[in-house]
PDB file of all heavy atoms in Angstrom:
ATOM      1  N   GLU A   1      64.557 168.768  85.288  1.00  0.00           N
ATOM      2  CA  GLU A   1      64.474 169.495  84.019  1.00  0.00           C
ATOM      3  C   GLU A   1      65.056 170.895  84.259  1.00  0.00           C
ATOM      4  O   GLU A   1      64.389 171.808  84.662  1.00  0.00           O
ATOM      5  CB  GLU A   1      63.031 169.606  83.541  1.00  0.00           C
ATOM      6  CG  GLU A   1      62.939 170.234  82.166  1.00  0.00           C
ATOM      7  CD  GLU A   1      61.518 170.535  81.741  1.00  0.00           C
ATOM      8  OE1 GLU A   1      60.579 170.359  82.543  1.00  0.00           O
ATOM      9  OE2 GLU A   1      61.330 171.005  80.599  1.00  0.00           O
ATOM     10  N   GLY A   2      66.341 171.018  84.000  1.00  0.00           N
ATOM     11  CA  GLY A   2      67.053 172.238  84.330  1.00  0.00           C
ATOM     12  C   GLY A   2      67.872 171.973  85.586  1.00  0.00           C
ATOM     13  O   GLY A   2      67.798 170.903  86.181  1.00  0.00           O
ATOM     14  N   PRO A   3      68.663 172.945  86.034  1.00  0.00           N
ATOM     15  CA  PRO A   3      68.775 174.331  85.523  1.00  0.00           C
ATOM     16  C   PRO A   3      69.754 174.499  84.389  1.00  0.00           C
ATOM     17  O   PRO A   3      70.126 175.616  84.043  1.00  0.00           O
ATOM     18  CB  PRO A   3      69.268 175.067  86.781  1.00  0.00           C
ATOM     19  CG  PRO A   3      70.147 174.070  87.460  1.00  0.00           C
ATOM     20  CD  PRO A   3      69.494 172.734  87.241  1.00  0.00           C
ATOM     21  N   PHE A   4      70.178 173.375  83.789  1.00  0.00           N
ATOM     22  CA  PHE A   4      71.235 173.401  82.776  1.00  0.00           C
ATOM     23  C   PHE A   4      70.662 173.618  81.376  1.00  0.00           C
ATOM     24  O   PHE A   4      70.945 172.841  80.453  1.00  0.00           O
ATOM     25  CB  PHE A   4      72.061 172.106  82.854  1.00  0.00           C
ATOM     26  CG  PHE A   4      72.390 171.664  84.254  1.00  0.00           C
ATOM     27  CD1 PHE A   4      72.108 170.372  84.664  1.00  0.00           C
ATOM     28  CD2 PHE A   4      72.968 172.549  85.150  1.00  0.00           C
ATOM     29  CE1 PHE A   4      72.410 169.948  85.950  1.00  0.00           C
ATOM     30  CE2 PHE A   4      73.273 172.130  86.463  1.00  0.00           C
ATOM     31  CZ  PHE A   4      72.984 170.823  86.851  1.00  0.00           C
ATOM     32  N   LEU A   5      69.852 174.638  81.206  1.00  0.00           N
ATOM     33  CA  LEU A   5      69.109 174.885  79.972  1.00  0.00           C
ATOM     34  C   LEU A   5      69.608 176.150  79.303  1.00  0.00           C
ATOM     35  O   LEU A   5      70.421 176.901  79.851  1.00  0.00           O
ATOM     36  CB  LEU A   5      67.615 174.986  80.285  1.00  0.00           C
ATOM     37  CG  LEU A   5      66.999 173.852  81.103  1.00  0.00           C
ATOM     38  CD1 LEU A   5      65.522 174.123  81.341  1.00  0.00           C
ATOM     39  CD2 LEU A   5      67.208 172.503  80.450  1.00  0.00           C
ATOM     40  N   ASN A   6      69.105 176.388  78.076  1.00  0.00           N
ATOM     41  CA  ASN A   6      69.452 177.577  77.321  1.00  0.00           C
ATOM     42  C   ASN A   6      68.561 178.743  77.787  1.00  0.00           C
ATOM     43  O   ASN A   6      67.347 178.651  77.685  1.00  0.00           O
ATOM     44  CB  ASN A   6      69.259 177.326  75.835  1.00  0.00           C
ATOM     45  CG  ASN A   6      69.842 178.435  74.977  1.00  0.00           C
ATOM     46  OD1 ASN A   6      69.660 179.618  75.254  1.00  0.00           O
ATOM     47  ND2 ASN A   6      70.498 178.055  73.896  1.00  0.00           N
ATOM     48  N   PRO A   7      69.152 179.822  78.322  1.00  0.00           N
ATOM     49  CA  PRO A   7      68.343 180.900  78.877  1.00  0.00           C
ATOM     50  C   PRO A   7      67.826 181.901  77.872  1.00  0.00           C
ATOM     51  O   PRO A   7      67.107 182.839  78.243  1.00  0.00           O
ATOM     52  CB  PRO A   7      69.329 181.612  79.835  1.00  0.00           C
ATOM     53  CG  PRO A   7      70.648 181.416  79.174  1.00  0.00           C
ATOM     54  CD  PRO A   7      70.604 180.051  78.521  1.00  0.00           C
ATOM     55  N   SER A   8      68.108 181.698  76.599  1.00  0.00           N
ATOM     56  CA  SER A   8      67.715 182.669  75.580  1.00  0.00           C
ATOM     57  C   SER A   8      66.202 182.714  75.431  1.00  0.00           C
ATOM     58  O   SER A   8      65.504 181.698  75.631  1.00  0.00           O
ATOM     59  CB  SER A   8      68.343 182.323  74.235  1.00  0.00           C
ATOM     60  OG  SER A   8      69.749 182.269  74.331  1.00  0.00           O
ATOM     61  N   PRO A   9      65.634 183.866  75.066  1.00  0.00           N
ATOM     62  CA  PRO A   9      64.189 183.949  74.843  1.00  0.00           C
ATOM     63  C   PRO A   9      63.715 182.908  73.833  1.00  0.00           C
ATOM     64  O   PRO A   9      64.367 182.656  72.825  1.00  0.00           O
ATOM     65  CB  PRO A   9      64.029 185.369  74.294  1.00  0.00           C
ATOM     66  CG  PRO A   9      65.164 186.135  74.845  1.00  0.00           C
ATOM     67  CD  PRO A   9      66.313 185.160  74.864  1.00  0.00           C
ATOM     68  N   GLY A  10      62.596 182.295  74.142  1.00  0.00           N
ATOM     69  CA  GLY A  10      62.043 181.239  73.273  1.00  0.00           C
ATOM     70  C   GLY A  10      62.494 179.865  73.707  1.00  0.00           C
ATOM     71  O   GLY A  10      61.712 178.918  73.697  1.00  0.00           O
ATOM     72  N   TYR A  11      63.756 179.737  74.101  1.00  0.00           N
ATOM     73  CA  TYR A  11      64.258 178.436  74.558  1.00  0.00           C
ATOM     74  C   TYR A  11      63.960 178.174  76.046  1.00  0.00           C
ATOM     75  O   TYR A  11      63.746 177.024  76.424  1.00  0.00           O
ATOM     76  CB  TYR A  11      65.783 178.346  74.330  1.00  0.00           C
ATOM     77  CG  TYR A  11      66.182 178.326  72.871  1.00  0.00           C
ATOM     78  CD1 TYR A  11      66.668 179.464  72.264  1.00  0.00           C
ATOM     79  CD2 TYR A  11      66.035 177.172  72.102  1.00  0.00           C
ATOM     80  CE1 TYR A  11      67.028 179.454  70.921  1.00  0.00           C
ATOM     81  CE2 TYR A  11      66.381 177.158  70.763  1.00  0.00           C
ATOM     82  CZ  TYR A  11      66.893 178.291  70.182  1.00  0.00           C
ATOM     83  OH  TYR A  11      67.230 178.277  68.838  1.00  0.00           O
ATOM     84  N   CYS A  12      63.950 179.239  76.857  1.00  0.00           N
ATOM     85  CA  CYS A  12      63.816 179.009  78.305  1.00  0.00           C
ATOM     86  C   CYS A  12      62.388 178.685  78.714  1.00  0.00           C
ATOM     87  O   CYS A  12      62.162 178.104  79.772  1.00  0.00           O
ATOM     88  CB  CYS A  12      64.316 180.215  79.062  1.00  0.00           C
ATOM     89  SG  CYS A  12      63.440 181.747  78.759  1.00  0.00           S
ATOM     90  N   GLY A  13      61.390 179.028  77.887  1.00  0.00           N
ATOM     91  CA  GLY A  13      60.005 178.762  78.232  1.00  0.00           C
ATOM     92  C   GLY A  13      59.624 179.479  79.519  1.00  0.00           C
ATOM     93  O   GLY A  13      59.965 180.643  79.730  1.00  0.00           O
ATOM     94  N   CYS A  14      58.940 178.759  80.426  1.00  0.00           N
ATOM     95  CA  CYS A  14      58.533 179.381  81.698  1.00  0.00           C
ATOM     96  C   CYS A  14      59.589 179.215  82.775  1.00  0.00           C
ATOM     97  O   CYS A  14      59.412 179.668  83.908  1.00  0.00           O
ATOM     98  CB  CYS A  14      57.194 178.804  82.167  1.00  0.00           C
ATOM     99  SG  CYS A  14      57.275 177.100  82.772  1.00  0.00           S
ATOM    100  N   HIS A  15      60.715 178.545  82.453  1.00  0.00           N
ATOM    101  CA  HIS A  15      61.792 178.374  83.418  1.00  0.00           C
ATOM    102  C   HIS A  15      62.479 179.701  83.695  1.00  0.00           C
ATOM    103  O   HIS A  15      62.719 180.486  82.772  1.00  0.00           O
ATOM    104  CB  HIS A  15      62.846 177.372  82.891  1.00  0.00           C
ATOM    105  CG  HIS A  15      62.365 175.967  82.805  1.00  0.00           C
ATOM    106  ND1 HIS A  15      62.896 174.935  83.515  1.00  0.00           N
ATOM    107  CD2 HIS A  15      61.382 175.398  82.049  1.00  0.00           C
ATOM    108  CE1 HIS A  15      62.296 173.799  83.231  1.00  0.00           C
ATOM    109  NE2 HIS A  15      61.351 174.069  82.332  1.00  0.00           N
ATOM    110  N   PRO A  16      62.822 179.993  84.951  1.00  0.00           N
ATOM    111  CA  PRO A  16      63.494 181.254  85.255  1.00  0.00           C
ATOM    112  C   PRO A  16      64.923 181.266  84.715  1.00  0.00           C
ATOM    113  O   PRO A  16      65.806 180.566  85.220  1.00  0.00           O
ATOM    114  CB  PRO A  16      63.484 181.312  86.792  1.00  0.00           C
ATOM    115  CG  PRO A  16      63.355 179.887  87.223  1.00  0.00           C
ATOM    116  CD  PRO A  16      62.543 179.188  86.158  1.00  0.00           C
ATOM    117  N   ALA A  17      65.154 182.111  83.710  1.00  0.00           N
ATOM    118  CA  ALA A  17      66.454 182.127  83.048  1.00  0.00           C
ATOM    119  C   ALA A  17      67.568 182.521  84.007  1.00  0.00           C
ATOM    120  O   ALA A  17      68.695 182.028  83.878  1.00  0.00           O
ATOM    121  CB  ALA A  17      66.404 183.096  81.852  1.00  0.00           C
ATOM    122  N   ALA A  18      67.286 183.383  84.967  1.00  0.00           N
ATOM    123  CA  ALA A  18      68.312 183.855  85.885  1.00  0.00           C
ATOM    124  C   ALA A  18      68.856 182.728  86.778  1.00  0.00           C
ATOM    125  O   ALA A  18      69.953 182.851  87.322  1.00  0.00           O
ATOM    126  CB  ALA A  18      67.752 184.969  86.755  1.00  0.00           C
ATOM    127  N   ALA A  19      68.103 181.639  86.913  1.00  0.00           N
ATOM    128  CA  ALA A  19      68.549 180.534  87.765  1.00  0.00           C
ATOM    129  C   ALA A  19      69.306 179.446  86.979  1.00  0.00           C
ATOM    130  O   ALA A  19      69.746 178.473  87.570  1.00  0.00           O
ATOM    131  CB  ALA A  19      67.351 179.884  88.462  1.00  0.00           C
ATOM    132  N   MET A  20      69.452 179.649  85.673  1.00  0.00           N
ATOM    133  CA  MET A  20      70.128 178.625  84.849  1.00  0.00           C
ATOM    134  C   MET A  20      71.636 178.768  84.947  1.00  0.00           C
ATOM    135  O   MET A  20      72.171 179.844  85.203  1.00  0.00           O
ATOM    136  CB  MET A  20      69.653 178.759  83.399  1.00  0.00           C
ATOM    137  CG  MET A  20      68.200 178.418  83.198  1.00  0.00           C
ATOM    138  SD  MET A  20      67.673 178.589  81.476  1.00  0.00           S
ATOM    139  CE  MET A  20      65.911 178.257  81.661  1.00  0.00           C
ATOM    140  N   GLY A  21      72.305 177.650  84.709  1.00  0.00           N
ATOM    141  CA  GLY A  21      73.770 177.651  84.734  1.00  0.00           C
ATOM    142  C   GLY A  21      74.317 176.478  83.963  1.00  0.00           C
ATOM    143  O   GLY A  21      73.544 175.657  83.416  1.00  0.00           O
ATOM    144  N   ASP A  22      75.611 176.377  83.883  1.00  0.00           N
ATOM    145  CA  ASP A  22      76.246 175.285  83.159  1.00  0.00           C
ATOM    146  C   ASP A  22      76.104 173.969  83.917  1.00  0.00           C
ATOM    147  O   ASP A  22      76.022 173.975  85.163  1.00  0.00           O
ATOM    148  CB  ASP A  22      77.727 175.584  82.938  1.00  0.00           C
ATOM    149  CG  ASP A  22      77.941 176.783  82.008  1.00  0.00           C
ATOM    150  OD1 ASP A  22      77.056 177.051  81.168  1.00  0.00           O
ATOM    151  OD2 ASP A  22      79.006 177.454  82.138  1.00  0.00           O
ATOM    152  N   PRO A  23      76.066 172.852  83.218  1.00  0.00           N
ATOM    153  CA  PRO A  23      75.960 171.550  83.866  1.00  0.00           C
ATOM    154  C   PRO A  23      77.025 171.367  84.912  1.00  0.00           C
ATOM    155  O   PRO A  23      78.211 171.644  84.682  1.00  0.00           O
ATOM    156  CB  PRO A  23      76.099 170.559  82.712  1.00  0.00           C
ATOM    157  CG  PRO A  23      75.551 171.303  81.535  1.00  0.00           C
ATOM    158  CD  PRO A  23      76.001 172.728  81.729  1.00  0.00           C
ATOM    159  N   ASP A  24      76.617 170.892  86.104  1.00  0.00           N
ATOM    160  CA  ASP A  24      77.481 170.856  87.262  1.00  0.00           C
ATOM    161  C   ASP A  24      77.313 169.502  87.949  1.00  0.00           C
ATOM    162  O   ASP A  24      76.276 169.238  88.591  1.00  0.00           O
ATOM    163  CB  ASP A  24      77.103 172.005  88.195  1.00  0.00           C
ATOM    164  CG  ASP A  24      78.011 172.126  89.396  1.00  0.00           C
ATOM    165  OD1 ASP A  24      78.778 171.168  89.693  1.00  0.00           O
ATOM    166  OD2 ASP A  24      77.961 173.176  90.072  1.00  0.00           O
ATOM    167  N   ILE A  25      78.293 168.637  87.808  1.00  0.00           N
ATOM    168  CA  ILE A  25      78.221 167.317  88.391  1.00  0.00           C
ATOM    169  C   ILE A  25      78.132 167.392  89.917  1.00  0.00           C
ATOM    170  O   ILE A  25      77.385 166.656  90.564  1.00  0.00           O
ATOM    171  CB  ILE A  25      79.445 166.488  87.977  1.00  0.00           C
ATOM    172  CG1 ILE A  25      79.411 166.223  86.467  1.00  0.00           C
ATOM    173  CG2 ILE A  25      79.490 165.163  88.749  1.00  0.00           C
ATOM    174  CD1 ILE A  25      80.681 165.648  85.907  1.00  0.00           C
ATOM    175  N   ALA A  26      78.847 168.342  90.509  1.00  0.00           N
ATOM    176  CA  ALA A  26      78.822 168.477  91.962  1.00  0.00           C
ATOM    177  C   ALA A  26      77.431 168.861  92.459  1.00  0.00           C
ATOM    178  O   ALA A  26      76.970 168.363  93.501  1.00  0.00           O
ATOM    179  CB  ALA A  26      79.854 169.513  92.410  1.00  0.00           C
ATOM    180  N   LEU A  27      76.735 169.735  91.721  1.00  0.00           N
ATOM    181  CA  LEU A  27      75.384 170.099  92.120  1.00  0.00           C
ATOM    182  C   LEU A  27      74.464 168.907  92.044  1.00  0.00           C
ATOM    183  O   LEU A  27      73.648 168.661  92.957  1.00  0.00           O
ATOM    184  CB  LEU A  27      74.882 171.229  91.226  1.00  0.00           C
ATOM    185  CG  LEU A  27      73.421 171.651  91.445  1.00  0.00           C
ATOM    186  CD1 LEU A  27      73.178 172.096  92.878  1.00  0.00           C
ATOM    187  CD2 LEU A  27      73.003 172.742  90.454  1.00  0.00           C
TER     188      LEU A  27
END
C-alpha cells in the first residue's frame, strides 16, 4: 500500500508523504 500514493493533505493519511513517489516498475 504505497509508496505510489497522493501526498496531498487528507489523501496521504498516516503514510509519510516525503517517501511517496511515482509508480516504478523497477522498484
